Every structure is written in C-alpha cells, then in structure tokens.
Amino acid sequence: MKKFLHIGRVCKKKRGKERGKIAVIVDIIDENYALVDGPEIKRRRCNLGHLEPTEKIVDIKKGASHEEVVKALGA
C-alpha cells in the first residue's frame, strides 16, 4: 500500500463512473483496495490505483459513517 493513502485522506477518483468526484478513505481493505465514501460517492470498495490523493486530510475514525464523512468534509 502506498504510505500516503490512509484513513481520512481526501482523494479524487481517477477512473470509473465516479471519475473526478471527491472521496475519503474510510478503511483500508488490503494492499490493493480501500473503502471510500463521500458526498457524491456511495460507500464502496475502490482500487487504490484509481485514487489520486489530495493534500487534504480529514479527522475521521476507521469505519466512520457516511454522515460523519460528509460533516468532516464540510459538504
């Protein structure tokens, strides 16, 4: 797993139907996948290669609810 991809990291989706949307890493599944959630993204498993990390990090706990993620983003 890339060391800059961790719980709370705000990312932009690079691929798929949600391309260009903002997502937050809620949990790390394994070295290839993370659980992401966001205001415009349904909670789902995502390939780490499909995420472009931003400099922003939000303060959430592992497995945070959708409401907690949206609140932390201020959206």
Protein backbone atom coordinates (compact mmCIF):
# COMPACT_ATOMS: atom_id res chain seq x y z
CA MET A 1 0.00 0.00 0.00
CA LYS A 2 1.17 3.49 -0.73
CA LYS A 3 2.05 5.23 2.53
CA PHE A 4 0.18 8.44 1.67
CA LEU A 5 -3.12 6.59 1.32
CA HIS A 6 -4.56 6.18 4.81
CA ILE A 7 -7.81 6.66 6.70
CA GLY A 8 -9.02 10.25 6.41
CA ARG A 9 -7.11 11.07 3.21
CA VAL A 10 -9.23 13.00 0.74
CA CYS A 11 -8.82 11.69 -2.81
CA LYS A 12 -10.18 12.29 -6.27
CA LYS A 13 -11.41 9.30 -8.26
CA LYS A 14 -9.39 8.84 -11.46
CA ARG A 15 -11.50 6.11 -13.07
CA GLY A 16 -14.97 4.67 -13.24
CA LYS A 17 -18.40 6.24 -13.31
CA GLU A 18 -17.50 8.48 -10.35
CA ARG A 19 -14.40 9.88 -12.07
CA GLY A 20 -13.49 13.37 -10.86
CA LYS A 21 -15.57 13.05 -7.67
CA ILE A 22 -14.14 13.55 -4.17
CA ALA A 23 -13.85 10.54 -1.87
CA VAL A 24 -12.47 9.95 1.62
CA ILE A 25 -10.70 6.75 2.62
CA VAL A 26 -12.75 5.23 5.45
CA ASP A 27 -10.89 1.91 5.78
CA ILE A 28 -8.01 0.02 4.17
CA ILE A 29 -9.12 -3.43 2.99
CA ASP A 30 -5.75 -4.76 1.77
CA GLU A 31 -2.72 -3.61 -0.24
CA ASN A 32 -4.90 -3.06 -3.34
CA TYR A 33 -8.27 -1.83 -2.08
CA ALA A 34 -9.77 0.76 0.24
CA LEU A 35 -13.29 1.53 1.41
CA VAL A 36 -14.22 5.04 0.27
CA ASP A 37 -17.19 7.32 0.86
CA GLY A 38 -18.08 10.89 0.02
CA PRO A 39 -20.85 13.39 -0.60
CA GLU A 40 -21.27 12.33 -4.26
CA ILE A 41 -19.99 8.75 -3.94
CA LYS A 42 -21.72 5.74 -2.46
CA ARG A 43 -19.63 3.82 0.07
CA ARG A 44 -17.76 1.17 -1.86
CA ARG A 45 -14.54 -0.73 -2.30
CA CYS A 46 -12.12 1.08 -4.59
CA ASN A 47 -8.84 0.08 -6.19
CA LEU A 48 -6.06 2.24 -4.73
CA GLY A 49 -4.72 2.76 -8.25
CA HIS A 50 -7.96 4.57 -9.11
CA LEU A 51 -7.47 7.20 -6.40
CA GLU A 52 -5.48 10.41 -6.72
CA PRO A 53 -4.65 11.67 -3.22
CA THR A 54 -5.01 15.36 -2.43
CA GLU A 55 -3.15 17.26 0.27
CA LYS A 56 -6.27 17.42 2.44
CA ILE A 57 -6.81 15.05 5.37
CA VAL A 58 -9.99 14.94 7.46
CA ASP A 59 -10.17 13.74 11.05
CA ILE A 60 -12.35 10.62 10.97
CA LYS A 61 -12.13 7.24 12.63
CA LYS A 62 -11.89 3.89 10.86
CA GLY A 63 -15.32 2.91 9.54
CA ALA A 64 -16.87 6.37 10.02
CA SER A 65 -20.48 6.67 8.89
CA HIS A 66 -21.50 8.48 5.72
CA GLU A 67 -22.85 11.38 7.81
CA GLU A 68 -19.52 11.71 9.68
CA VAL A 69 -17.58 11.76 6.41
CA VAL A 70 -19.81 14.44 4.87
CA LYS A 71 -19.64 16.53 8.07
CA ALA A 72 -15.82 16.25 8.18
CA LEU A 73 -15.62 17.47 4.58
CA GLY A 74 -17.91 20.36 5.36
CA ALA A 75 -20.14 19.48 2.40
